[in-house]
Protein backbone atom coordinates (compact mmCIF):
# COMPACT_ATOMS: atom_id res chain seq x y z
CA MET A 1 -97.74 -186.48 105.58
CA SER A 2 -100.95 -184.92 107.25
CA SER A 3 -100.84 -181.77 109.20
CA ASP A 4 -101.38 -183.24 112.41
CA GLU A 5 -98.13 -185.61 112.53
CA LYS A 6 -94.92 -184.60 114.35
CA ILE A 7 -92.25 -184.23 111.65
CA ILE A 8 -89.02 -186.10 113.30
CA ILE A 9 -85.56 -184.92 111.64
CA ALA A 10 -83.13 -186.44 114.38
CA ASN A 11 -82.93 -188.34 117.36
CA ASP A 12 -83.59 -184.79 119.44
CA VAL A 13 -85.00 -182.61 116.85
CA VAL A 14 -88.88 -182.84 116.24
CA ILE A 15 -91.24 -180.16 114.82
CA HIS A 16 -94.61 -180.20 116.34
CA PRO A 17 -97.57 -179.20 114.44
CA ASP A 18 -98.28 -176.62 117.03
CA ASP A 19 -95.47 -174.52 116.22
CA ILE A 20 -96.35 -174.73 111.92
CA GLU A 21 -98.95 -172.10 110.99
CA GLU A 22 -100.22 -172.16 107.50
CA SER A 23 -102.21 -169.70 105.60
CA PHE A 24 -103.59 -170.23 102.01
CA ILE A 25 -102.48 -167.13 99.35
CA ARG A 26 -103.18 -166.54 95.92
CA SER A 27 -99.90 -167.49 93.72
CA SER A 28 -98.50 -164.82 91.68
CA GLY A 29 -97.49 -165.52 87.67
CA PRO A 30 -99.34 -166.65 84.79
CA GLY A 31 -102.08 -169.16 85.08
CA GLY A 32 -105.59 -167.40 84.05
CA GLN A 33 -108.52 -167.22 85.68
CA ASN A 34 -107.25 -170.20 88.24
CA VAL A 35 -104.74 -167.88 89.50
CA ASN A 36 -107.24 -165.22 90.35
CA LYS A 37 -109.89 -167.02 92.10
CA VAL A 38 -108.22 -169.77 93.99
CA ALA A 39 -105.85 -169.78 97.01
CA THR A 40 -103.57 -172.33 96.00
CA ALA A 41 -100.14 -170.83 97.32
CA VAL A 42 -99.26 -171.51 101.00
CA GLN A 43 -97.55 -169.28 103.45
CA LEU A 44 -96.26 -171.65 106.12
CA ARG A 45 -95.01 -169.84 109.05
CA PHE A 46 -92.96 -171.61 111.53
CA ASP A 47 -91.86 -170.32 115.37
CA ALA A 48 -88.55 -171.73 115.47
CA ARG A 49 -87.10 -169.24 118.44
CA ASN A 50 -89.91 -170.95 120.60
CA ALA A 51 -90.21 -174.46 119.32
CA PRO A 52 -89.70 -177.07 121.83
CA GLY A 53 -88.71 -179.33 119.77
CA LEU A 54 -85.17 -177.98 118.79
CA PRO A 55 -82.14 -177.93 120.82
CA GLU A 56 -80.52 -174.69 121.35
CA ARG A 57 -77.74 -175.34 118.88
CA VAL A 58 -80.27 -176.19 116.11
CA ARG A 59 -82.21 -173.46 116.87
CA GLU A 60 -79.81 -170.89 116.04
CA ARG A 61 -78.31 -172.49 113.14
CA THR A 62 -81.67 -172.65 111.62
CA LEU A 63 -82.65 -169.03 112.16
CA LYS A 64 -79.11 -168.45 110.74
CA LEU A 65 -79.87 -170.57 107.73
CA ALA A 66 -82.90 -169.14 107.12
CA GLY A 67 -81.81 -165.79 106.31
CA GLN A 68 -84.05 -163.40 104.89
CA ARG A 69 -86.86 -165.96 105.23
CA ALA A 70 -86.46 -165.33 109.32
CA THR A 71 -88.21 -162.48 110.85
CA LYS A 72 -87.04 -160.59 113.94
CA ASP A 73 -89.09 -162.78 116.10
CA GLY A 74 -87.61 -165.80 115.11
CA VAL A 75 -90.53 -166.88 112.72
CA ILE A 76 -89.39 -168.65 109.45
CA VAL A 77 -92.07 -167.98 106.63
CA ILE A 78 -91.85 -170.25 103.76
CA GLU A 79 -94.20 -169.54 100.73
CA ALA A 80 -94.59 -172.46 98.04
CA GLY A 81 -96.44 -171.72 95.31
CA ARG A 82 -95.05 -173.90 92.37
CA PHE A 83 -98.08 -176.17 92.17
CA ARG A 84 -101.74 -175.69 91.10
CA THR A 85 -103.10 -177.43 94.03
CA GLN A 86 -103.08 -176.54 97.41
CA GLU A 87 -101.93 -180.03 99.00
CA GLN A 88 -98.82 -180.09 96.88
CA ASN A 89 -97.96 -176.41 97.65
CA ARG A 90 -98.54 -177.40 101.65
CA ALA A 91 -96.03 -180.77 100.80
CA ASP A 92 -93.78 -178.61 99.09
CA ALA A 93 -93.50 -175.85 102.03
CA ARG A 94 -93.08 -178.63 104.79
CA ALA A 95 -90.35 -180.32 102.66
CA ARG A 96 -88.40 -177.13 102.35
CA LEU A 97 -88.60 -176.50 106.13
CA THR A 98 -87.69 -180.16 106.59
CA ALA A 99 -84.85 -179.73 104.76
CA LEU A 100 -83.73 -176.49 106.22
CA VAL A 101 -84.14 -177.95 109.77
CA ALA A 102 -82.09 -181.08 108.92
CA ARG A 103 -79.16 -178.79 107.39
CA ALA A 104 -78.70 -177.05 110.64
CA ALA A 105 -79.10 -180.20 112.66
CA GLU A 106 -76.20 -182.00 110.87
CA PRO A 107 -72.98 -181.82 112.89
CA PRO A 108 -70.51 -179.01 112.66
CA PRO A 109 -67.44 -180.46 110.26
CA PRO A 110 -64.33 -181.16 112.39
CA PRO A 111 -61.75 -178.49 112.82
CA ARG A 112 -59.24 -177.99 110.35
CA LYS A 113 -55.79 -179.46 111.16
CA LYS A 114 -52.78 -177.20 110.76
CA THR A 115 -50.13 -178.02 108.25
CA LYS A 116 -46.94 -176.82 107.19
CA PRO A 117 -45.38 -177.46 103.62
CA SER A 118 -42.28 -180.18 103.57
CA LYS A 119 -38.68 -179.18 103.44
CA GLY A 120 -38.66 -180.34 99.77
CA ALA A 121 -41.49 -178.29 98.83
CA ILE A 122 -39.80 -175.08 100.35
CA GLU A 123 -36.79 -175.84 98.52
CA ARG A 124 -38.66 -176.32 95.18
CA ARG A 125 -40.37 -173.14 95.73
CA LEU A 126 -37.40 -171.08 96.40
CA LYS A 127 -35.38 -172.88 93.56
CA ALA A 128 -38.45 -171.74 91.24
CA LYS A 129 -38.47 -168.51 92.25
CA ALA A 130 -34.66 -167.78 91.99
CA GLY A 131 -35.07 -169.09 88.40
CA ARG A 132 -37.48 -166.47 87.73
CA SER A 133 -35.70 -163.76 89.00
CA THR A 134 -32.77 -164.83 86.70
CA VAL A 135 -35.39 -165.06 83.86
CA LYS A 136 -36.57 -161.43 84.34
CA LYS A 137 -33.12 -159.77 85.13
CA LEU A 138 -32.30 -161.53 81.55
CA ARG A 139 -34.82 -159.47 80.03
CA GLY A 140 -33.23 -156.30 81.05
CA ARG A 141 -30.95 -153.80 79.18
CA VAL A 142 -27.83 -155.21 77.21
CA GLU A 143 -24.58 -153.36 79.00
CA SER A 144 -22.14 -153.07 76.36
CA ASP A 145 -18.48 -153.67 76.99
C-alpha cells in the first residue's frame, strides 16, 4: 500500500491520503545504538473530524472508539514502533487506522427483542423458591411439645 493511495474501507467510507499526516520519531525500548540514532517509529495523525471520506455516523463512532488516541480537535494519533524499519511501522500504523475505521463503519447491531419467561418457567421458579423456604424453616430451632 503506497502512501498516495486512497484506503477504501466500505462503499461510502474512504480515507484520503491528504487526511493522513505521518512523522517519524525515535522508538522507545531496547535496541542499542539503532534506537538512539534512527527515527523508525511512526506517528500517524488522521484528521477524522474534517475527513470528507467519512459519513457523519462513522466519524462519530471512529472518534468514540479511538478514546484517548483522539485529541479534542478530532485528530486521531496512532504511534507504531513495534518494528525496526520505517516501512513496517508505517504499514502497521495504517493497518491499525484502517481497522479502527472499519470497526466504526460496521452497521449497528439489531435492537434487542424483549422476551418474558413462559408460565411453566415462572411456576418452576416459584416452586423452587417455596422448596428453599421450607428447607430454611426446618433449619430453625426445634420446638419441644
